[in-house]
Protein backbone atom coordinates (compact mmCIF):
# COMPACT_ATOMS: atom_id res chain seq x y z
CA MET A 1 118.04 -34.45 90.44
CA LYS A 2 116.56 -37.89 89.41
CA ASN A 3 119.46 -39.61 91.08
CA ALA A 4 118.98 -37.54 94.35
CA LEU A 5 115.13 -38.49 94.37
CA LEU A 6 115.88 -42.11 93.62
CA LEU A 7 118.35 -42.30 96.45
CA ILE A 8 116.06 -40.57 98.87
CA ALA A 9 113.39 -43.01 98.21
CA VAL A 10 115.45 -46.11 98.64
CA LEU A 11 116.57 -44.49 101.88
CA PHE A 12 113.19 -43.99 102.93
CA LEU A 13 112.14 -47.57 102.08
CA SER A 14 115.14 -49.15 103.71
CA ILE A 15 114.39 -47.27 107.02
CA CYS A 16 110.65 -48.19 107.01
CA THR A 17 111.40 -51.89 106.28
CA GLN A 18 113.86 -51.96 109.07
CA ALA A 19 111.28 -50.48 111.54
CA GLN A 20 108.69 -52.93 110.73
CA ASP A 21 107.94 -55.82 113.21
CA LYS A 22 109.06 -59.10 111.75
CA LEU A 23 107.98 -62.57 112.32
CA ARG A 24 111.07 -64.74 113.57
CA ARG A 25 111.40 -68.39 114.14
CA GLY A 26 110.84 -69.32 117.74
CA SER A 27 108.97 -71.82 120.29
CA ILE A 28 106.60 -71.19 122.92
CA THR A 29 106.17 -73.44 126.14
CA PHE A 30 102.78 -73.58 127.62
CA ASN A 31 102.13 -74.14 131.42
CA ASP A 32 101.65 -77.75 130.70
CA GLY A 33 105.00 -78.18 129.27
CA THR A 34 103.72 -78.48 125.76
CA VAL A 35 106.16 -76.81 123.16
CA LYS A 36 105.04 -75.32 119.93
CA THR A 37 107.57 -74.16 117.21
CA GLY A 38 106.58 -71.43 114.63
CA LEU A 39 106.96 -67.81 114.15
CA ILE A 40 106.88 -65.15 116.78
CA LEU A 41 105.90 -61.42 116.06
CA TYR A 42 109.30 -59.91 117.13
CA LYS A 43 109.25 -56.07 117.87
CA ASN A 44 112.58 -55.42 118.99
CA TRP A 45 110.91 -54.65 122.57
CA ASP A 46 111.82 -51.53 124.54
CA VAL A 47 109.41 -52.81 127.10
CA THR A 48 109.35 -56.47 128.11
CA PRO A 49 106.18 -58.15 126.46
CA ARG A 50 103.30 -59.22 128.45
CA GLU A 51 101.89 -61.30 125.59
CA VAL A 52 103.27 -62.80 122.61
CA LYS A 53 101.74 -63.22 118.86
CA PHE A 54 102.47 -66.46 117.82
CA SER A 55 101.84 -68.23 114.27
CA GLU A 56 102.63 -71.88 113.49
CA SER A 57 101.84 -71.28 109.75
CA GLY A 58 103.01 -67.62 109.33
CA LYS A 59 99.57 -66.68 108.49
CA GLU A 60 97.23 -66.24 111.35
CA THR A 61 98.61 -65.16 114.62
CA GLN A 62 97.25 -66.17 117.93
CA THR A 63 98.01 -63.99 121.01
CA TYR A 64 99.20 -65.79 124.24
CA THR A 65 99.64 -64.09 127.65
CA VAL A 66 102.01 -64.25 130.46
CA ALA A 67 99.31 -66.26 132.32
CA GLU A 68 99.37 -69.01 129.28
CA LEU A 69 102.81 -69.54 128.64
CA SER A 70 105.92 -70.51 130.85
CA SER A 71 108.40 -69.46 128.40
CA PHE A 72 109.44 -68.47 124.70
CA LYS A 73 112.20 -68.31 122.68
CA ILE A 74 113.24 -66.14 119.74
CA GLY A 75 115.48 -68.17 117.10
CA ASP A 76 116.22 -71.68 116.24
CA GLU A 77 119.40 -73.47 116.91
CA GLU A 78 121.08 -69.91 118.00
CA VAL A 79 118.67 -68.41 120.51
CA THR A 80 118.72 -64.92 120.17
CA GLU A 81 116.40 -63.88 123.02
CA GLU A 82 114.63 -66.37 125.82
CA TYR A 83 111.97 -65.23 128.33
CA GLU A 84 110.78 -67.04 131.16
CA ARG A 85 107.68 -66.41 133.34
CA PHE A 86 108.24 -65.75 136.90
CA THR A 87 106.10 -64.30 139.89
CA VAL A 88 108.40 -61.67 141.78
CA GLU A 89 108.52 -58.94 144.01
CA ILE A 90 109.55 -55.92 141.85
CA ASP A 91 110.30 -52.32 142.95
CA THR A 92 107.94 -49.91 141.41
CA SER A 93 108.96 -46.69 143.12
CA SER A 94 109.90 -43.88 140.80
CA GLN A 95 113.50 -43.45 139.69
CA ASP A 96 112.88 -40.30 137.76
CA ILE A 97 115.15 -37.81 139.72
CA ARG A 98 113.11 -35.05 138.48
CA ALA A 99 109.78 -36.43 139.71
CA ASP A 100 108.76 -37.96 142.91
CA ILE A 101 111.79 -39.51 144.59
CA THR A 102 111.28 -39.70 148.30
CA SER A 103 113.68 -40.04 151.35
CA ALA A 104 112.48 -43.89 151.66
CA LYS A 105 115.61 -46.15 151.20
CA GLU A 106 113.01 -49.09 151.23
CA ALA A 107 111.67 -50.62 147.89
CA GLU A 108 108.17 -50.17 147.04
CA ASN A 109 107.47 -53.65 146.06
CA SER A 110 104.47 -55.10 144.31
CA LYS A 111 103.90 -58.81 143.22
CA GLN A 112 103.59 -59.32 139.43
CA THR A 113 103.78 -62.15 137.29
CA LEU A 114 106.19 -61.30 134.26
CA PHE A 115 108.35 -62.48 131.56
CA LEU A 116 111.99 -61.98 132.56
CA GLN A 117 114.78 -62.19 129.67
CA LYS A 118 117.50 -64.59 130.46
CA VAL A 119 120.71 -62.57 129.91
CA VAL A 120 123.21 -65.34 131.43
CA GLU A 121 122.28 -68.99 132.26
CA GLY A 122 124.42 -70.97 134.67
CA LYS A 123 124.36 -72.15 138.38
CA ALA A 124 123.45 -68.64 138.96
CA SER A 125 121.20 -66.99 136.19
CA LEU A 126 120.71 -63.34 135.51
CA TYR A 127 117.40 -62.04 134.22
CA LEU A 128 116.29 -58.62 132.91
CA VAL A 129 112.90 -56.86 132.69
CA LYS A 130 111.94 -53.44 131.25
CA LEU A 131 108.76 -52.24 132.55
CA ASN A 132 109.21 -48.94 130.77
CA ALA A 133 111.78 -47.87 128.21
CA ASN A 134 113.80 -45.80 130.77
CA ARG A 135 114.37 -48.49 133.40
CA GLU A 136 115.96 -51.77 133.50
CA GLN A 137 115.66 -54.02 136.40
CA PHE A 138 117.55 -57.18 136.96
CA PHE A 139 116.89 -60.41 138.88
CA LEU A 140 119.17 -63.22 140.03
CA ARG A 141 118.22 -66.91 140.29
CA ILE A 142 120.54 -69.49 141.98
CA GLY A 143 119.46 -73.00 140.99
CA ASN A 144 115.94 -73.56 141.44
CA GLN A 145 115.19 -70.73 143.89
CA THR A 146 112.91 -67.92 143.19
CA ALA A 147 114.25 -65.09 141.26
CA LEU A 148 115.20 -62.04 143.47
CA GLU A 149 115.76 -58.53 142.16
CA LEU A 150 118.89 -56.87 142.64
CA LEU A 151 118.02 -53.31 143.82
CA ASN A 152 119.59 -50.02 143.15
CA LYS A 153 117.18 -47.43 144.45
CA LYS A 154 117.48 -43.68 144.22
CA PHE A 155 116.46 -41.77 147.34
CA LEU A 156 116.88 -38.28 148.96
CA SER A 157 119.22 -38.25 151.84
CA ALA A 158 118.08 -36.29 155.01
CA GLY A 159 118.75 -32.65 154.73
CA ASP A 160 119.83 -33.07 150.97
CA VAL A 161 117.16 -32.52 148.52
CA SER A 162 119.35 -31.28 145.71
CA SER A 163 121.04 -34.79 144.85
CA PRO A 164 119.61 -38.32 144.91
CA LYS A 165 121.69 -41.10 146.60
CA ASN A 166 121.60 -44.48 145.45
CA SER A 167 120.89 -47.70 147.78
CA THR A 168 122.21 -51.02 146.44
CA ILE A 169 120.74 -54.06 148.04
């Protein structure tokens, strides 16, 4: 019985420790190009962050917003995640097939300044943003051009209100 309770306690503690936020080595780049290395409070984000908690010493953290930083990286030599700030046109229309999907094929864009997570870097780079936990949106940037959203929009086709269709632009 004691062994079972001890096992349960150890499992509970290990789960709690894994769920906690962790300070990870990383760097932030300010709008003027200044780079600081230190520790970033990493939360294994389900939603792309709009601010970053950063510490040079590991003790006091300071919060920097998307307006203050041009990029940030998690990791040292081996970067595990990299985010860059972009001002983009992003589709904000509903994708919930149980809610308010309309028959409009056009995206409902809004201009927003966001951190986009770099997925692939090259002559053409692929970025990802998650504005909520249920939706991933991808952006393509060729060279130094503006990042453009790769759209896959759900809509109702005329006369068929039972099943949404996809429009890939």
